[in-house]
Amino acid sequence: MIKKRHFYIVVGILLVGFIVGSFLDLQINQAIYSQGNMFGVIMASFGTYPCYAGLSFAAGGLLITSVKKKDLHIIWRIVSWGLAALGYGLSVWLGSKDVPSINGFNNLALELPVILINIFVFLGFATLGFIVCYKGDENKLWMSLMVMAVVFLLALLPTSFLIKLVIHRPRYRFVVNSGEIAFHNWWESYGAYKEYIDEGHVLYGHLITKEEFKSFPSGHSGSAAIMMMVLPYLSMFFKKLKGKETMMFYIGFAWTVLMMFSRILVGAHYLTDTCMGALIVVIVTYIGHEIATRKGLIYKDEYHPQQEQVQQ
């Protein structure tokens, strides 16, 4: 189990980044922007795959543990199967969106091949989850996987969909290449984005879509942060990782920082976008982790509130 101070350290770093970005977003992007940078394109296309692989792993594990758990009520069994199907489906669908889009290789002809490839790629991770959890204690693993699945979905929604529907911040690459839209701070939504889209402007050989007005917050950074928060859970499935939860957490944090940098590098986001995307996920998953731990849903045999207070 990760001690609270490690969550606080990461939250503190992200908050500092968000505050700095609130004053220097434009200057930072001007300094490092590299249109079409291949590192940035590859990260945009495949950097979310570890997150979706984890979701598929949880889906496979949830499927087999719900089958093995004989005392599971039929309603919870159906809910488990539904979450498993949703998790695998989202892995394939979301993973397939990035590669052909303007965020990735900007080639719509890649859409179908990538979907077909991802069906098998994420099926492999789902199968791994199935096999690993088949050998484990279904009573402990089922509840842990339920928590993981819910945390995945709750953390993905605000960063990837909900907030973007309210704040239509133009991406930096669009501000630079359009020559018509001024820089907007994170709290400034571009209200006339629909009219701009309807006029049929072209960017990078494609008609402008609402994707160019979804800068805040960063969904890619949020996806990387989900992996950071979920990696420590692997110790429940792989005994060799027992006691290495903190190391796994910081490996995930390093990956998150790398993702954040890559999104700023290609002008898809600003520092505030990436920090907020990661912050939302860390806070949502931390709250879920605390509730699940205190109620004995996960780490049931390891959690001792009095001992934790002494450690802090």
C-alpha atoms as a PDB file:
ATOM      1  CA  MET A   1       0.000   0.000   0.000  1.00  0.00           C
ATOM      2  CA  ILE A   2       1.268   3.508  -0.817  1.00  0.00           C
ATOM      3  CA  LYS A   3       1.620   5.952   2.069  1.00  0.00           C
ATOM      4  CA  LYS A   4      -0.363   9.161   1.761  1.00  0.00           C
ATOM      5  CA  ARG A   5       2.684  11.385   1.555  1.00  0.00           C
ATOM      6  CA  HIS A   6       3.473  10.086  -1.926  1.00  0.00           C
ATOM      7  CA  PHE A   7       0.056  11.163  -3.185  1.00  0.00           C
ATOM      8  CA  TYR A   8       0.586  14.563  -1.574  1.00  0.00           C
ATOM      9  CA  ILE A   9       3.993  14.964  -3.226  1.00  0.00           C
ATOM     10  CA  VAL A  10       2.568  14.308  -6.683  1.00  0.00           C
ATOM     11  CA  VAL A  11      -0.453  16.539  -6.096  1.00  0.00           C
ATOM     12  CA  GLY A  12       1.882  19.302  -4.889  1.00  0.00           C
ATOM     13  CA  ILE A  13       4.057  19.053  -8.003  1.00  0.00           C
ATOM     14  CA  LEU A  14       1.023  19.145 -10.283  1.00  0.00           C
ATOM     15  CA  LEU A  15      -0.470  22.116  -8.416  1.00  0.00           C
ATOM     16  CA  VAL A  16       2.778  24.064  -8.743  1.00  0.00           C
ATOM     17  CA  GLY A  17       2.825  23.266 -12.457  1.00  0.00           C
ATOM     18  CA  PHE A  18      -0.780  24.417 -12.806  1.00  0.00           C
ATOM     19  CA  ILE A  19      -0.085  27.720 -11.023  1.00  0.00           C
ATOM     20  CA  VAL A  20       3.043  28.374 -13.082  1.00  0.00           C
ATOM     21  CA  GLY A  21       1.151  27.543 -16.271  1.00  0.00           C
ATOM     22  CA  SER A  22      -1.630  29.943 -15.363  1.00  0.00           C
ATOM     23  CA  PHE A  23       0.899  32.758 -15.807  1.00  0.00           C
ATOM     24  CA  LEU A  24       3.290  31.290 -18.389  1.00  0.00           C
ATOM     25  CA  ASP A  25       1.241  28.909 -20.570  1.00  0.00           C
ATOM     26  CA  LEU A  26       1.803  30.854 -23.776  1.00  0.00           C
ATOM     27  CA  GLN A  27       5.515  31.470 -23.189  1.00  0.00           C
ATOM     28  CA  ILE A  28       6.186  27.798 -22.414  1.00  0.00           C
ATOM     29  CA  ASN A  29       4.478  26.648 -25.620  1.00  0.00           C
ATOM     30  CA  GLN A  30       6.272  29.279 -27.668  1.00  0.00           C
ATOM     31  CA  ALA A  31       9.583  28.021 -26.311  1.00  0.00           C
ATOM     32  CA  ILE A  32       9.194  24.288 -27.010  1.00  0.00           C
ATOM     33  CA  TYR A  33       6.513  23.942 -29.712  1.00  0.00           C
ATOM     34  CA  SER A  34       7.623  21.598 -32.500  1.00  0.00           C
ATOM     35  CA  GLN A  35       4.902  20.952 -35.071  1.00  0.00           C
ATOM     36  CA  GLY A  36       4.779  17.332 -36.206  1.00  0.00           C
ATOM     37  CA  ASN A  37       7.498  16.236 -33.772  1.00  0.00           C
ATOM     38  CA  MET A  38       7.678  12.447 -34.170  1.00  0.00           C
ATOM     39  CA  PHE A  39       8.158  11.761 -30.468  1.00  0.00           C
ATOM     40  CA  GLY A  40       5.030  13.769 -29.739  1.00  0.00           C
ATOM     41  CA  VAL A  41       3.073  12.027 -32.496  1.00  0.00           C
ATOM     42  CA  ILE A  42       4.055   8.556 -31.251  1.00  0.00           C
ATOM     43  CA  MET A  43       3.151   9.440 -27.664  1.00  0.00           C
ATOM     44  CA  ALA A  44      -0.178  10.879 -28.817  1.00  0.00           C
ATOM     45  CA  SER A  45      -0.908   7.729 -30.829  1.00  0.00           C
ATOM     46  CA  PHE A  46       0.257   5.021 -28.442  1.00  0.00           C
ATOM     47  CA  GLY A  47       0.952   6.707 -25.092  1.00  0.00           C
ATOM     48  CA  THR A  48      -2.532   5.901 -23.817  1.00  0.00           C
ATOM     49  CA  TYR A  49      -2.174   2.181 -24.576  1.00  0.00           C
ATOM     50  CA  PRO A  50      -0.750   1.235 -21.143  1.00  0.00           C
ATOM     51  CA  CYS A  51      -3.878   2.744 -19.553  1.00  0.00           C
ATOM     52  CA  TYR A  52      -6.222   0.887 -21.889  1.00  0.00           C
ATOM     53  CA  ALA A  53      -4.189  -2.302 -21.482  1.00  0.00           C
ATOM     54  CA  GLY A  54      -4.810  -2.071 -17.749  1.00  0.00           C
ATOM     55  CA  LEU A  55      -8.504  -1.572 -18.379  1.00  0.00           C
ATOM     56  CA  SER A  56      -8.585  -4.686 -20.572  1.00  0.00           C
ATOM     57  CA  PHE A  57      -6.656  -6.640 -17.942  1.00  0.00           C
ATOM     58  CA  ALA A  58      -9.248  -5.628 -15.342  1.00  0.00           C
ATOM     59  CA  ALA A  59     -12.043  -6.603 -17.747  1.00  0.00           C
ATOM     60  CA  GLY A  60     -10.651 -10.109 -18.217  1.00  0.00           C
ATOM     61  CA  GLY A  61     -10.101 -10.556 -14.494  1.00  0.00           C
ATOM     62  CA  LEU A  62     -13.555  -9.273 -13.662  1.00  0.00           C
ATOM     63  CA  LEU A  63     -15.119 -11.733 -16.077  1.00  0.00           C
ATOM     64  CA  ILE A  64     -13.479 -14.843 -14.626  1.00  0.00           C
ATOM     65  CA  THR A  65     -13.778 -13.851 -10.956  1.00  0.00           C
ATOM     66  CA  SER A  66     -17.498 -13.164 -11.375  1.00  0.00           C
ATOM     67  CA  VAL A  67     -17.873 -16.646 -12.879  1.00  0.00           C
ATOM     68  CA  LYS A  68     -15.816 -18.361 -10.169  1.00  0.00           C
ATOM     69  CA  LYS A  69     -17.492 -16.511  -7.294  1.00  0.00           C
ATOM     70  CA  LYS A  70     -20.416 -18.912  -6.723  1.00  0.00           C
ATOM     71  CA  ASP A  71     -22.120 -16.835  -4.017  1.00  0.00           C
ATOM     72  CA  LEU A  72     -22.298 -13.734  -6.223  1.00  0.00           C
ATOM     73  CA  HIS A  73     -25.837 -12.450  -6.665  1.00  0.00           C
ATOM     74  CA  ILE A  74     -27.141 -12.567 -10.229  1.00  0.00           C
ATOM     75  CA  ILE A  75     -27.466  -8.775 -10.346  1.00  0.00           C
ATOM     76  CA  TRP A  76     -23.813  -8.274  -9.416  1.00  0.00           C
ATOM     77  CA  ARG A  77     -22.840 -10.988 -11.863  1.00  0.00           C
ATOM     78  CA  ILE A  78     -24.591  -9.104 -14.667  1.00  0.00           C
ATOM     79  CA  VAL A  79     -23.035  -5.811 -13.525  1.00  0.00           C
ATOM     80  CA  SER A  80     -19.605  -7.470 -13.558  1.00  0.00           C
ATOM     81  CA  TRP A  81     -20.083  -8.817 -17.060  1.00  0.00           C
ATOM     82  CA  GLY A  82     -21.363  -5.433 -18.215  1.00  0.00           C
ATOM     83  CA  LEU A  83     -18.328  -3.631 -16.766  1.00  0.00           C
ATOM     84  CA  ALA A  84     -16.011  -6.223 -18.292  1.00  0.00           C
ATOM     85  CA  ALA A  85     -17.571  -5.761 -21.731  1.00  0.00           C
ATOM     86  CA  LEU A  86     -17.532  -1.971 -21.346  1.00  0.00           C
ATOM     87  CA  GLY A  87     -13.901  -1.975 -20.242  1.00  0.00           C
ATOM     88  CA  TYR A  88     -12.722  -4.079 -23.157  1.00  0.00           C
ATOM     89  CA  GLY A  89     -14.878  -2.146 -25.630  1.00  0.00           C
ATOM     90  CA  LEU A  90     -13.575   1.209 -24.408  1.00  0.00           C
ATOM     91  CA  SER A  91      -9.992  -0.050 -24.657  1.00  0.00           C
ATOM     92  CA  VAL A  92     -10.444  -0.943 -28.314  1.00  0.00           C
ATOM     93  CA  TRP A  93     -12.474   2.150 -29.208  1.00  0.00           C
ATOM     94  CA  LEU A  94     -10.450   4.792 -27.341  1.00  0.00           C
ATOM     95  CA  GLY A  95      -7.135   3.233 -28.313  1.00  0.00           C
ATOM     96  CA  SER A  96      -8.183   3.258 -31.968  1.00  0.00           C
ATOM     97  CA  LYS A  97      -9.189   6.932 -31.964  1.00  0.00           C
ATOM     98  CA  ASP A  98      -5.743   8.380 -31.339  1.00  0.00           C
ATOM     99  CA  VAL A  99      -3.639   6.831 -34.109  1.00  0.00           C
ATOM    100  CA  PRO A 100      -5.546   8.084 -37.201  1.00  0.00           C
ATOM    101  CA  SER A 101      -6.642  11.420 -35.699  1.00  0.00           C
ATOM    102  CA  ILE A 102      -5.045  14.838 -36.029  1.00  0.00           C
ATOM    103  CA  ASN A 103      -3.487  14.159 -32.622  1.00  0.00           C
ATOM    104  CA  GLY A 104      -1.655  11.149 -34.052  1.00  0.00           C
ATOM    105  CA  PHE A 105      -0.622  10.258 -37.598  1.00  0.00           C
ATOM    106  CA  ASN A 106      -3.451  12.296 -39.143  1.00  0.00           C
ATOM    107  CA  ASN A 107      -4.483   9.581 -41.566  1.00  0.00           C
ATOM    108  CA  LEU A 108      -8.107   8.439 -41.488  1.00  0.00           C
ATOM    109  CA  ALA A 109      -7.235   5.437 -43.668  1.00  0.00           C
ATOM    110  CA  LEU A 110      -5.570   3.922 -40.596  1.00  0.00           C
ATOM    111  CA  GLU A 111      -8.816   3.835 -38.634  1.00  0.00           C
ATOM    112  CA  LEU A 112     -10.099   0.377 -39.619  1.00  0.00           C
ATOM    113  CA  PRO A 113      -6.700  -1.394 -39.528  1.00  0.00           C
ATOM    114  CA  VAL A 114      -5.983   0.033 -36.072  1.00  0.00           C
ATOM    115  CA  ILE A 115      -9.380  -1.097 -34.751  1.00  0.00           C
ATOM    116  CA  LEU A 116      -8.746  -4.619 -36.017  1.00  0.00           C
ATOM    117  CA  ILE A 117      -5.250  -4.678 -34.528  1.00  0.00           C
ATOM    118  CA  ASN A 118      -6.483  -3.326 -31.206  1.00  0.00           C
ATOM    119  CA  ILE A 119      -9.176  -5.984 -30.981  1.00  0.00           C
ATOM    120  CA  PHE A 120      -6.408  -8.572 -30.773  1.00  0.00           C
ATOM    121  CA  VAL A 121      -3.931  -6.453 -28.778  1.00  0.00           C
ATOM    122  CA  PHE A 122      -6.355  -5.716 -25.958  1.00  0.00           C
ATOM    123  CA  LEU A 123      -7.851  -9.192 -26.156  1.00  0.00           C
ATOM    124  CA  GLY A 124      -4.370 -10.379 -25.210  1.00  0.00           C
ATOM    125  CA  PHE A 125      -4.347  -8.204 -22.077  1.00  0.00           C
ATOM    126  CA  ALA A 126      -7.890  -9.293 -21.221  1.00  0.00           C
ATOM    127  CA  THR A 127      -6.768 -12.914 -21.572  1.00  0.00           C
ATOM    128  CA  LEU A 128      -3.795 -12.231 -19.304  1.00  0.00           C
ATOM    129  CA  GLY A 129      -6.147 -10.816 -16.674  1.00  0.00           C
ATOM    130  CA  PHE A 130      -8.386 -13.857 -17.126  1.00  0.00           C
ATOM    131  CA  ILE A 131      -5.495 -16.305 -16.596  1.00  0.00           C
ATOM    132  CA  VAL A 132      -3.912 -14.462 -13.662  1.00  0.00           C
ATOM    133  CA  CYS A 133      -7.207 -14.049 -11.805  1.00  0.00           C
ATOM    134  CA  TYR A 134      -8.277 -17.617 -12.554  1.00  0.00           C
ATOM    135  CA  LYS A 135      -5.435 -18.783 -10.330  1.00  0.00           C
ATOM    136  CA  GLY A 136      -6.119 -16.265  -7.574  1.00  0.00           C
ATOM    137  CA  ASP A 137      -8.632 -15.859  -4.760  1.00  0.00           C
ATOM    138  CA  GLU A 138     -11.794 -14.781  -6.546  1.00  0.00           C
ATOM    139  CA  ASN A 139     -13.347 -13.339  -3.379  1.00  0.00           C
ATOM    140  CA  LYS A 140     -10.531 -10.820  -2.872  1.00  0.00           C
ATOM    141  CA  LEU A 141      -9.837 -10.164  -6.540  1.00  0.00           C
ATOM    142  CA  TRP A 142     -13.453  -9.626  -7.622  1.00  0.00           C
ATOM    143  CA  MET A 143     -13.950  -6.667  -5.290  1.00  0.00           C
ATOM    144  CA  SER A 144     -10.539  -5.199  -6.129  1.00  0.00           C
ATOM    145  CA  LEU A 145     -11.314  -5.439  -9.836  1.00  0.00           C
ATOM    146  CA  MET A 146     -14.729  -3.849  -9.341  1.00  0.00           C
ATOM    147  CA  VAL A 147     -13.040  -0.918  -7.596  1.00  0.00           C
ATOM    148  CA  MET A 148     -10.437  -0.680 -10.368  1.00  0.00           C
ATOM    149  CA  ALA A 149     -13.081  -0.713 -13.112  1.00  0.00           C
ATOM    150  CA  VAL A 150     -15.175   1.988 -11.450  1.00  0.00           C
ATOM    151  CA  VAL A 151     -12.098   4.139 -10.747  1.00  0.00           C
ATOM    152  CA  PHE A 152     -10.984   3.813 -14.376  1.00  0.00           C
ATOM    153  CA  LEU A 153     -14.354   4.983 -15.676  1.00  0.00           C
ATOM    154  CA  LEU A 154     -14.865   7.791 -13.143  1.00  0.00           C
ATOM    155  CA  ALA A 155     -11.376   9.137 -13.789  1.00  0.00           C
ATOM    156  CA  LEU A 156     -11.659   8.954 -17.589  1.00  0.00           C
ATOM    157  CA  LEU A 157     -14.995  10.749 -17.883  1.00  0.00           C
ATOM    158  CA  PRO A 158     -14.141  14.259 -16.614  1.00  0.00           C
ATOM    159  CA  THR A 159     -10.742  14.540 -18.325  1.00  0.00           C
ATOM    160  CA  SER A 160     -11.664  12.967 -21.657  1.00  0.00           C
ATOM    161  CA  PHE A 161     -15.249  14.127 -22.115  1.00  0.00           C
ATOM    162  CA  LEU A 162     -17.214  16.162 -19.571  1.00  0.00           C
ATOM    163  CA  ILE A 163     -15.079  19.251 -18.875  1.00  0.00           C
ATOM    164  CA  LYS A 164     -14.140  19.584 -22.546  1.00  0.00           C
ATOM    165  CA  LEU A 165     -17.843  19.967 -23.328  1.00  0.00           C
ATOM    166  CA  VAL A 166     -17.976  23.079 -21.160  1.00  0.00           C
ATOM    167  CA  ILE A 167     -14.602  24.749 -21.725  1.00  0.00           C
ATOM    168  CA  HIS A 168     -13.782  25.052 -25.436  1.00  0.00           C
ATOM    169  CA  ARG A 169     -10.189  26.216 -25.186  1.00  0.00           C
ATOM    170  CA  PRO A 170      -8.400  26.393 -28.576  1.00  0.00           C
ATOM    171  CA  ARG A 171      -5.304  24.216 -28.806  1.00  0.00           C
ATOM    172  CA  TYR A 172      -1.986  26.031 -29.219  1.00  0.00           C
ATOM    173  CA  ARG A 173      -1.284  24.417 -32.595  1.00  0.00           C
ATOM    174  CA  PHE A 174      -4.605  25.795 -33.828  1.00  0.00           C
ATOM    175  CA  VAL A 175      -3.876  29.264 -32.471  1.00  0.00           C
ATOM    176  CA  VAL A 176      -0.528  29.289 -34.294  1.00  0.00           C
ATOM    177  CA  ASN A 177      -1.642  27.798 -37.616  1.00  0.00           C
ATOM    178  CA  SER A 178      -5.023  29.491 -38.002  1.00  0.00           C
ATOM    179  CA  GLY A 179      -3.653  32.963 -37.483  1.00  0.00           C
ATOM    180  CA  GLU A 180      -7.164  34.044 -36.543  1.00  0.00           C
ATOM    181  CA  ILE A 181      -7.764  32.805 -32.998  1.00  0.00           C
ATOM    182  CA  ALA A 182      -6.032  34.507 -30.088  1.00  0.00           C
ATOM    183  CA  PHE A 183      -4.491  32.659 -27.156  1.00  0.00           C
ATOM    184  CA  HIS A 184      -7.007  31.770 -24.435  1.00  0.00           C
ATOM    185  CA  ASN A 185      -6.276  31.108 -20.781  1.00  0.00           C
ATOM    186  CA  TRP A 186      -7.637  27.908 -19.235  1.00  0.00           C
ATOM    187  CA  TRP A 187     -10.647  29.715 -17.774  1.00  0.00           C
ATOM    188  CA  GLU A 188     -11.529  31.371 -21.117  1.00  0.00           C
ATOM    189  CA  SER A 189     -13.810  29.319 -23.351  1.00  0.00           C
ATOM    190  CA  TYR A 190     -14.025  30.211 -27.046  1.00  0.00           C
ATOM    191  CA  GLY A 191     -17.765  30.730 -27.399  1.00  0.00           C
ATOM    192  CA  ALA A 192     -17.826  31.072 -31.191  1.00  0.00           C
ATOM    193  CA  TYR A 193     -16.177  27.726 -31.932  1.00  0.00           C
ATOM    194  CA  LYS A 194     -19.301  26.306 -33.610  1.00  0.00           C
ATOM    195  CA  GLU A 195     -19.456  29.141 -36.109  1.00  0.00           C
ATOM    196  CA  TYR A 196     -15.769  28.682 -36.882  1.00  0.00           C
ATOM    197  CA  ILE A 197     -16.252  24.965 -37.533  1.00  0.00           C
ATOM    198  CA  ASP A 198     -19.282  25.589 -39.748  1.00  0.00           C
ATOM    199  CA  GLU A 199     -17.235  27.873 -41.991  1.00  0.00           C
ATOM    200  CA  GLY A 200     -15.233  24.868 -43.229  1.00  0.00           C
ATOM    201  CA  HIS A 201     -11.671  25.906 -42.347  1.00  0.00           C
ATOM    202  CA  VAL A 202      -8.900  23.407 -43.087  1.00  0.00           C
ATOM    203  CA  LEU A 203      -5.932  22.533 -40.870  1.00  0.00           C
ATOM    204  CA  TYR A 204      -3.280  19.916 -41.749  1.00  0.00           C
ATOM    205  CA  GLY A 205      -5.384  18.853 -44.737  1.00  0.00           C
ATOM    206  CA  HIS A 206      -8.524  18.195 -42.648  1.00  0.00           C
ATOM    207  CA  LEU A 207     -11.623  20.225 -41.980  1.00  0.00           C
ATOM    208  CA  ILE A 208     -11.518  21.840 -38.562  1.00  0.00           C
ATOM    209  CA  THR A 209     -13.556  19.892 -36.016  1.00  0.00           C
ATOM    210  CA  LYS A 210     -14.439  20.490 -32.383  1.00  0.00           C
ATOM    211  CA  GLU A 211     -11.269  18.555 -31.468  1.00  0.00           C
ATOM    212  CA  GLU A 212      -9.282  21.777 -31.957  1.00  0.00           C
ATOM    213  CA  PHE A 213     -11.314  23.354 -29.166  1.00  0.00           C
ATOM    214  CA  LYS A 214     -10.730  20.622 -26.573  1.00  0.00           C
ATOM    215  CA  SER A 215      -7.475  21.788 -25.086  1.00  0.00           C
ATOM    216  CA  PHE A 216      -8.580  21.903 -21.440  1.00  0.00           C
ATOM    217  CA  PRO A 217      -8.001  19.511 -19.719  1.00  0.00           C
ATOM    218  CA  SER A 218      -5.660  16.963 -21.308  1.00  0.00           C
ATOM    219  CA  GLY A 219      -7.215  13.534 -21.749  1.00  0.00           C
ATOM    220  CA  HIS A 220      -3.881  11.964 -22.683  1.00  0.00           C
ATOM    221  CA  SER A 221      -2.304  13.248 -19.458  1.00  0.00           C
ATOM    222  CA  GLY A 222      -5.296  11.947 -17.524  1.00  0.00           C
ATOM    223  CA  SER A 223      -4.912   8.508 -19.105  1.00  0.00           C
ATOM    224  CA  ALA A 224      -1.233   8.427 -18.162  1.00  0.00           C
ATOM    225  CA  ALA A 225      -2.105   9.434 -14.599  1.00  0.00           C
ATOM    226  CA  ILE A 226      -4.635   6.604 -14.385  1.00  0.00           C
ATOM    227  CA  MET A 227      -1.820   4.187 -15.146  1.00  0.00           C
ATOM    228  CA  MET A 228       0.267   5.847 -12.421  1.00  0.00           C
ATOM    229  CA  MET A 229      -2.498   5.352  -9.873  1.00  0.00           C
ATOM    230  CA  VAL A 230      -3.347   1.798 -10.918  1.00  0.00           C
ATOM    231  CA  LEU A 231       0.166   0.360 -11.294  1.00  0.00           C
ATOM    232  CA  PRO A 232       0.535  -0.227  -7.502  1.00  0.00           C
ATOM    233  CA  TYR A 233      -2.572  -2.449  -7.657  1.00  0.00           C
ATOM    234  CA  LEU A 234      -0.553  -4.966  -9.680  1.00  0.00           C
ATOM    235  CA  SER A 235       0.961  -6.219  -6.421  1.00  0.00           C
ATOM    236  CA  MET A 236      -2.407  -7.865  -5.733  1.00  0.00           C
ATOM    237  CA  PHE A 237      -2.048  -9.921  -8.914  1.00  0.00           C
ATOM    238  CA  PHE A 238       1.711 -10.518  -9.131  1.00  0.00           C
ATOM    239  CA  LYS A 239       3.423 -11.584  -5.905  1.00  0.00           C
ATOM    240  CA  LYS A 240       6.859 -10.475  -7.155  1.00  0.00           C
ATOM    241  CA  LEU A 241       5.651  -6.860  -7.043  1.00  0.00           C
ATOM    242  CA  LYS A 242       4.674  -7.090  -3.376  1.00  0.00           C
ATOM    243  CA  GLY A 243       6.414  -4.314  -1.453  1.00  0.00           C
ATOM    244  CA  LYS A 244       7.245  -2.422  -4.657  1.00  0.00           C
ATOM    245  CA  GLU A 245       4.048  -0.367  -4.834  1.00  0.00           C
ATOM    246  CA  THR A 246       5.821   2.956  -4.242  1.00  0.00           C
ATOM    247  CA  MET A 247       8.349   2.240  -6.980  1.00  0.00           C
ATOM    248  CA  MET A 248       5.535   1.358  -9.387  1.00  0.00           C
ATOM    249  CA  PHE A 249       3.745   4.571  -8.449  1.00  0.00           C
ATOM    250  CA  TYR A 250       6.741   6.739  -9.313  1.00  0.00           C
ATOM    251  CA  ILE A 251       7.400   4.834 -12.539  1.00  0.00           C
ATOM    252  CA  GLY A 252       3.846   5.748 -13.478  1.00  0.00           C
ATOM    253  CA  PHE A 253       4.478   9.360 -12.454  1.00  0.00           C
ATOM    254  CA  ALA A 254       7.554   9.529 -14.686  1.00  0.00           C
ATOM    255  CA  TRP A 255       5.433   8.233 -17.579  1.00  0.00           C
ATOM    256  CA  THR A 256       2.783  10.858 -16.804  1.00  0.00           C
ATOM    257  CA  VAL A 257       5.351  13.672 -16.886  1.00  0.00           C
ATOM    258  CA  LEU A 258       6.687  12.350 -20.187  1.00  0.00           C
ATOM    259  CA  MET A 259       3.170  12.328 -21.621  1.00  0.00           C
ATOM    260  CA  MET A 260       2.510  15.852 -20.360  1.00  0.00           C
ATOM    261  CA  PHE A 261       5.686  17.131 -21.989  1.00  0.00           C
ATOM    262  CA  SER A 262       4.880  15.434 -25.307  1.00  0.00           C
ATOM    263  CA  ARG A 263       1.421  17.049 -25.440  1.00  0.00           C
ATOM    264  CA  ILE A 264       2.899  20.520 -24.924  1.00  0.00           C
ATOM    265  CA  LEU A 265       5.677  19.779 -27.430  1.00  0.00           C
ATOM    266  CA  VAL A 266       3.258  19.256 -30.338  1.00  0.00           C
ATOM    267  CA  GLY A 267       0.997  22.148 -29.357  1.00  0.00           C
ATOM    268  CA  ALA A 268      -1.967  19.966 -28.450  1.00  0.00           C
ATOM    269  CA  HIS A 269      -2.092  21.315 -24.889  1.00  0.00           C
ATOM    270  CA  TYR A 270      -0.704  23.859 -22.473  1.00  0.00           C
ATOM    271  CA  LEU A 271       0.950  23.188 -19.108  1.00  0.00           C
ATOM    272  CA  THR A 272      -2.295  23.987 -17.255  1.00  0.00           C
ATOM    273  CA  ASP A 273      -4.198  21.504 -19.454  1.00  0.00           C
ATOM    274  CA  THR A 274      -1.819  18.663 -18.700  1.00  0.00           C
ATOM    275  CA  CYS A 275      -1.520  19.400 -14.979  1.00  0.00           C
ATOM    276  CA  MET A 276      -5.283  19.645 -14.547  1.00  0.00           C
ATOM    277  CA  GLY A 277      -5.892  16.423 -16.509  1.00  0.00           C
ATOM    278  CA  ALA A 278      -3.478  14.565 -14.235  1.00  0.00           C
ATOM    279  CA  LEU A 279      -4.737  16.307 -11.077  1.00  0.00           C
ATOM    280  CA  ILE A 280      -8.351  15.312 -11.673  1.00  0.00           C
ATOM    281  CA  VAL A 281      -7.382  11.675 -12.095  1.00  0.00           C
ATOM    282  CA  VAL A 282      -5.109  11.628  -9.033  1.00  0.00           C
ATOM    283  CA  ILE A 283      -7.784  13.199  -6.827  1.00  0.00           C
ATOM    284  CA  VAL A 284     -10.627  11.006  -8.125  1.00  0.00           C
ATOM    285  CA  THR A 285      -8.647   7.784  -7.843  1.00  0.00           C
ATOM    286  CA  TYR A 286      -7.215   8.752  -4.437  1.00  0.00           C
ATOM    287  CA  ILE A 287     -10.695   9.364  -3.040  1.00  0.00           C
ATOM    288  CA  GLY A 288     -11.847   6.041  -4.488  1.00  0.00           C
ATOM    289  CA  HIS A 289      -8.771   4.331  -3.049  1.00  0.00           C
ATOM    290  CA  GLU A 290      -9.382   5.772   0.424  1.00  0.00           C
ATOM    291  CA  ILE A 291     -13.053   4.839   0.502  1.00  0.00           C
ATOM    292  CA  ALA A 292     -12.391   1.311  -0.774  1.00  0.00           C
ATOM    293  CA  THR A 293      -9.492   0.780   1.645  1.00  0.00           C
ATOM    294  CA  ARG A 294     -11.277   2.057   4.739  1.00  0.00           C
ATOM    295  CA  LYS A 295     -14.316  -0.067   3.966  1.00  0.00           C
ATOM    296  CA  GLY A 296     -12.089  -3.117   3.558  1.00  0.00           C
ATOM    297  CA  LEU A 297     -12.914  -3.588  -0.120  1.00  0.00           C
ATOM    298  CA  ILE A 298      -9.232  -3.730  -1.055  1.00  0.00           C
ATOM    299  CA  TYR A 299      -6.108  -4.470   1.013  1.00  0.00           C
ATOM    300  CA  LYS A 300      -8.511  -6.043   3.499  1.00  0.00           C
ATOM    301  CA  ASP A 301      -5.812  -7.958   5.350  1.00  0.00           C
ATOM    302  CA  GLU A 302      -3.301  -5.107   5.328  1.00  0.00           C
ATOM    303  CA  TYR A 303      -5.135  -1.960   6.311  1.00  0.00           C
ATOM    304  CA  HIS A 304      -4.764  -0.846   9.907  1.00  0.00           C
ATOM    305  CA  PRO A 305      -5.894   2.770  10.517  1.00  0.00           C
ATOM    306  CA  GLN A 306      -4.057   3.084  13.827  1.00  0.00           C
ATOM    307  CA  GLN A 307      -0.827   1.830  12.296  1.00  0.00           C
ATOM    308  CA  GLU A 308      -1.203   4.271   9.406  1.00  0.00           C
ATOM    309  CA  GLN A 309      -1.591   7.186  11.799  1.00  0.00           C
ATOM    310  CA  VAL A 310       1.654   6.183  13.530  1.00  0.00           C
ATOM    311  CA  GLN A 311       3.435   5.961  10.163  1.00  0.00           C
ATOM    312  CA  GLN A 312       2.322   9.474   9.257  1.00  0.00           C
END
